[in-house]
């Protein structure tokens, strides 16, 4: 009588793909590239594994879940931000110039990876402060240190930090919101889909739609940031002199 065999031992999925052995950095870079090309909806462990030439199970050593992988994409964006900031060799002595530098670098990273930008809201809303990726925490520290350098007290530092973050991420989100209805149309009105907007109920929106279709760019970002900071420094001689 043939002896009954027990269950086969589980096989550990190999993490050696078509480009060699995986690393967390390679996994995140590939995930970000996939999202850049096809959007967040295309990202899954199975699809990313296929991109890297490994089984999906091999990826769980580098991201324990889909949420962890999404947090990793946020980390990748902030690591790219750090690289951009590091290209400026000299320290920025003026705190406002430092905030402008952070804002512009963040803007550039976000416009380079528009499909991943929604994660800056959704994931950071879901993850408590102490559990955010280290690169995100270093960005918080960088901005808070600049505000303390400006001479703000703790309460004002927190208020400016919140306002700065809201303006920066809000501005980027507005820049990336689609306005063009049909890119293949040559007629501006049909290109923007103005025929879909009621002239009676939305006259101002119809009138300004063409202008809204143009991005405000880094100039708009800087102008808004200056206006915001002016509001905090107008009654603070020490900060205003920074």
Protein backbone atom coordinates (compact mmCIF):
# COMPACT_ATOMS: atom_id res chain seq x y z
CA UNK A 1 0.00 0.00 0.00
CA UNK A 2 1.35 3.40 -0.99
CA UNK A 3 2.22 5.50 2.01
CA UNK A 4 0.22 8.75 2.18
CA UNK A 5 2.42 11.79 1.84
CA UNK A 6 2.09 14.87 4.05
CA UNK A 7 1.66 18.35 2.68
CA UNK A 8 4.53 19.62 0.61
CA UNK A 9 6.74 22.13 2.42
CA UNK A 10 5.91 25.71 1.50
CA UNK A 11 8.28 27.20 -1.04
CA UNK A 12 9.76 30.59 -0.44
CA UNK A 13 9.20 32.80 -3.44
CA UNK A 14 12.47 33.88 -5.01
CA UNK A 15 13.21 37.59 -5.02
CA UNK A 16 15.65 37.30 -7.90
CA UNK A 17 13.96 38.93 -10.88
CA UNK A 18 14.96 39.77 -14.40
CA UNK A 19 17.19 42.59 -13.13
CA UNK A 20 18.85 40.64 -10.33
CA UNK A 21 17.95 40.40 -6.66
CA UNK A 22 15.33 42.82 -5.44
CA UNK A 23 15.78 45.61 -2.95
CA UNK A 24 13.23 47.90 -1.34
CA UNK A 25 14.50 50.77 -3.46
CA UNK A 26 14.08 48.79 -6.69
CA UNK A 27 10.57 47.71 -5.71
CA UNK A 28 9.49 51.29 -4.94
CA UNK A 29 11.12 52.75 -8.06
CA UNK A 30 9.36 50.15 -10.22
CA UNK A 31 6.05 50.73 -8.47
CA UNK A 32 6.32 54.47 -9.04
CA UNK A 33 7.22 53.97 -12.70
CA UNK A 34 4.18 51.70 -13.14
CA UNK A 35 1.88 54.29 -11.53
CA UNK A 36 3.42 57.04 -13.66
CA UNK A 37 2.58 55.09 -16.80
CA UNK A 38 -0.80 53.60 -15.98
CA UNK A 39 -2.19 55.20 -12.82
CA UNK A 40 -2.81 53.98 -9.30
CA UNK A 41 -5.57 51.61 -10.38
CA UNK A 42 -2.99 49.52 -12.28
CA UNK A 43 -0.87 48.90 -9.19
CA UNK A 44 -1.15 45.49 -7.57
CA UNK A 45 1.32 43.04 -6.10
CA UNK A 46 0.72 40.67 -9.00
CA UNK A 47 1.24 43.35 -11.64
CA UNK A 48 4.33 44.75 -9.93
CA UNK A 49 5.76 41.26 -9.58
CA UNK A 50 5.29 40.73 -13.30
CA UNK A 51 7.10 44.02 -13.98
CA UNK A 52 10.05 42.87 -11.87
CA UNK A 53 10.02 39.26 -13.06
CA UNK A 54 9.21 37.71 -9.66
CA UNK A 55 6.22 36.11 -7.99
CA UNK A 56 3.93 38.52 -6.18
CA UNK A 57 4.67 36.78 -2.87
CA UNK A 58 8.33 37.84 -3.13
CA UNK A 59 7.29 41.48 -2.83
CA UNK A 60 5.84 41.06 0.65
CA UNK A 61 9.37 41.10 2.09
CA UNK A 62 9.63 44.71 0.98
CA UNK A 63 6.01 45.84 1.49
CA UNK A 64 3.89 43.81 3.87
CA UNK A 65 0.58 44.83 2.29
CA UNK A 66 -0.95 46.94 -0.46
CA UNK A 67 -1.26 49.83 2.01
CA UNK A 68 2.43 49.47 2.88
CA UNK A 69 3.25 49.61 -0.82
CA UNK A 70 1.22 52.81 -1.19
CA UNK A 71 3.04 54.28 1.81
CA UNK A 72 6.24 53.28 0.06
CA UNK A 73 5.23 55.35 -2.95
CA UNK A 74 4.79 58.37 -0.67
CA UNK A 75 8.26 57.61 0.70
CA UNK A 76 9.65 57.46 -2.84
CA UNK A 77 8.21 60.91 -3.64
CA UNK A 78 9.76 62.44 -0.53
CA UNK A 79 13.10 60.74 -1.18
CA UNK A 80 13.08 62.32 -4.62
CA UNK A 81 12.29 65.64 -2.95
CA UNK A 82 15.34 65.22 -0.71
CA UNK A 83 17.51 64.53 -3.74
CA UNK A 84 16.28 67.73 -5.40
CA UNK A 85 16.96 69.78 -2.29
CA UNK A 86 20.43 68.25 -1.97
CA UNK A 87 21.40 69.58 -5.38
CA UNK A 88 21.64 73.04 -3.81
CA UNK A 89 25.00 72.83 -2.12
CA UNK A 90 24.81 75.95 0.04
CA UNK A 91 22.52 76.24 3.04
CA UNK A 92 19.77 78.80 2.61
CA UNK A 93 20.29 81.38 5.35
CA UNK A 94 16.93 83.12 4.95
CA UNK A 95 13.96 81.16 6.26
CA UNK A 96 11.55 82.45 3.62
CA UNK A 97 13.95 81.49 0.85
CA UNK A 98 14.19 78.06 2.46
CA UNK A 99 10.42 77.64 2.42
CA UNK A 100 10.29 78.74 -1.21
CA UNK A 101 12.97 76.20 -2.06
CA UNK A 102 11.03 73.41 -0.35
CA UNK A 103 7.80 74.48 -2.06
CA UNK A 104 9.34 74.63 -5.54
CA UNK A 105 11.08 71.26 -5.17
CA UNK A 106 7.84 69.68 -3.96
CA UNK A 107 5.97 71.23 -6.90
CA UNK A 108 8.52 69.81 -9.36
CA UNK A 109 8.35 66.31 -7.87
CA UNK A 110 4.56 66.32 -7.89
CA UNK A 111 4.34 67.46 -11.52
CA UNK A 112 6.82 64.74 -12.47
CA UNK A 113 4.57 62.09 -10.84
CA UNK A 114 1.00 63.41 -11.11
CA UNK A 115 -0.61 59.97 -10.90
CA UNK A 116 0.90 59.42 -7.43
CA UNK A 117 0.04 62.85 -5.99
CA UNK A 118 -3.38 61.78 -4.57
CA UNK A 119 -1.47 59.55 -2.14
CA UNK A 120 -0.05 62.66 -0.44
CA UNK A 121 -3.57 63.27 0.83
CA UNK A 122 -5.08 59.81 1.17
CA UNK A 123 -2.15 58.01 2.80
CA UNK A 124 -1.05 60.86 5.07
CA UNK A 125 -4.66 61.15 6.25
CA UNK A 126 -4.59 57.47 7.17
CA UNK A 127 -1.15 57.20 8.79
CA UNK A 128 -0.40 58.67 12.25
CA UNK A 129 2.53 61.05 12.55
CA UNK A 130 5.01 58.65 14.17
CA UNK A 131 4.29 55.92 11.59
CA UNK A 132 4.90 58.03 8.51
CA UNK A 133 7.94 57.22 6.33
CA UNK A 134 11.21 58.66 7.61
CA UNK A 135 11.58 60.87 4.53
CA UNK A 136 8.18 62.45 5.26
CA UNK A 137 9.17 63.12 8.88
CA UNK A 138 12.42 64.71 7.74
CA UNK A 139 10.41 67.03 5.51
CA UNK A 140 8.24 68.03 8.49
CA UNK A 141 11.39 68.64 10.53
CA UNK A 142 12.94 70.74 7.74
CA UNK A 143 9.95 73.07 7.51
CA UNK A 144 9.45 73.37 11.27
CA UNK A 145 13.14 74.17 11.79
CA UNK A 146 12.93 76.97 9.20
CA UNK A 147 9.95 78.45 11.03
CA UNK A 148 11.72 78.30 14.38
CA UNK A 149 14.70 79.97 12.68
CA UNK A 150 12.30 82.77 11.74
CA UNK A 151 11.67 83.47 15.43
CA UNK A 152 8.09 82.20 15.60
CA UNK A 153 6.88 80.80 18.90
CA UNK A 154 5.53 77.26 19.07
CA UNK A 155 1.89 78.16 18.46
CA UNK A 156 2.68 80.35 15.45
CA UNK A 157 5.16 77.80 14.11
CA UNK A 158 2.39 75.18 14.10
CA UNK A 159 -0.07 77.59 12.49
CA UNK A 160 2.35 78.54 9.71
CA UNK A 161 3.34 74.89 9.20
CA UNK A 162 -0.30 73.93 8.68
CA UNK A 163 -0.93 76.88 6.36
CA UNK A 164 2.24 76.21 4.35
CA UNK A 165 1.38 72.52 3.94
CA UNK A 166 -2.22 73.28 3.00
CA UNK A 167 -1.23 75.90 0.44
CA UNK A 168 1.49 73.77 -1.13
CA UNK A 169 -0.49 70.55 -1.48
CA UNK A 170 -3.68 72.41 -2.34
CA UNK A 171 -1.95 74.42 -5.06
CA UNK A 172 -0.43 71.28 -6.59
CA UNK A 173 -3.80 69.52 -6.49
CA UNK A 174 -5.48 72.41 -8.32
CA UNK A 175 -2.66 72.51 -10.90
CA UNK A 176 -3.18 68.84 -11.68
CA UNK A 177 -6.99 68.82 -11.82
CA UNK A 178 -8.08 68.12 -15.41
CA UNK A 179 -9.86 71.00 -17.16
CA UNK A 180 -9.70 70.00 -20.83
CA UNK A 181 -12.72 67.90 -21.79
CA UNK A 182 -11.59 66.72 -25.24
CA UNK A 183 -7.87 67.10 -26.06
CA UNK A 184 -8.48 66.15 -29.70
CA UNK A 185 -10.76 69.14 -30.31
CA UNK A 186 -9.21 72.20 -31.95
CA UNK A 187 -12.11 74.54 -31.16
CA UNK A 188 -11.38 76.00 -27.68
CA UNK A 189 -15.02 75.90 -26.58
CA UNK A 190 -15.45 72.23 -27.45
CA UNK A 191 -11.97 71.42 -26.20
CA UNK A 192 -12.99 72.70 -22.77
CA UNK A 193 -16.50 71.27 -23.03
CA UNK A 194 -18.17 74.65 -22.48
CA UNK A 195 -21.33 73.30 -24.12
CA UNK A 196 -21.74 71.13 -21.05
CA UNK A 197 -21.86 74.18 -18.73
CA UNK A 198 -25.05 76.17 -18.33
CA UNK A 199 -24.56 79.74 -19.53
CA UNK A 200 -27.41 80.86 -17.28
CA UNK A 201 -26.30 79.14 -14.06
CA UNK A 202 -22.51 79.25 -14.53
CA UNK A 203 -21.71 82.42 -16.48
CA UNK A 204 -18.54 83.30 -14.56
CA UNK A 205 -17.18 79.77 -14.74
CA UNK A 206 -17.72 79.66 -18.49
CA UNK A 207 -16.05 83.04 -18.88
CA UNK A 208 -12.95 82.04 -16.92
CA UNK A 209 -12.67 78.38 -18.02
CA UNK A 210 -9.95 79.14 -20.58
CA UNK A 211 -7.84 80.88 -17.95
CA UNK A 212 -8.42 78.04 -15.50
CA UNK A 213 -7.12 75.61 -18.10
CA UNK A 214 -3.73 77.32 -17.89
CA UNK A 215 -1.51 76.32 -14.98
CA UNK A 216 -0.42 78.95 -12.51
CA UNK A 217 3.07 77.47 -12.54
CA UNK A 218 5.89 78.10 -10.07
CA UNK A 219 5.19 81.84 -10.24
CA UNK A 220 1.68 81.39 -8.86
CA UNK A 221 2.98 79.06 -6.19
CA UNK A 222 5.58 81.62 -5.07
CA UNK A 223 3.17 84.57 -5.14
CA UNK A 224 0.62 82.73 -3.02
CA UNK A 225 3.26 81.58 -0.57
CA UNK A 226 4.56 85.14 -0.15
CA UNK A 227 1.03 86.41 0.47
CA UNK A 228 0.48 83.69 3.06
CA UNK A 229 3.74 84.38 4.88
CA UNK A 230 3.15 88.14 4.80
CA UNK A 231 -0.05 87.53 6.74
CA UNK A 232 1.90 85.86 9.53
CA UNK A 233 4.83 88.28 9.62
CA UNK A 234 3.05 91.64 9.36
CA UNK A 235 2.78 91.96 13.14
CA UNK A 236 5.99 90.13 14.06
CA UNK A 237 9.13 92.29 13.75
CA UNK A 238 11.52 89.43 14.47
CA UNK A 239 9.99 87.13 11.86
CA UNK A 240 9.53 89.87 9.30
CA UNK A 241 13.20 90.72 9.48
CA UNK A 242 14.16 87.13 8.60
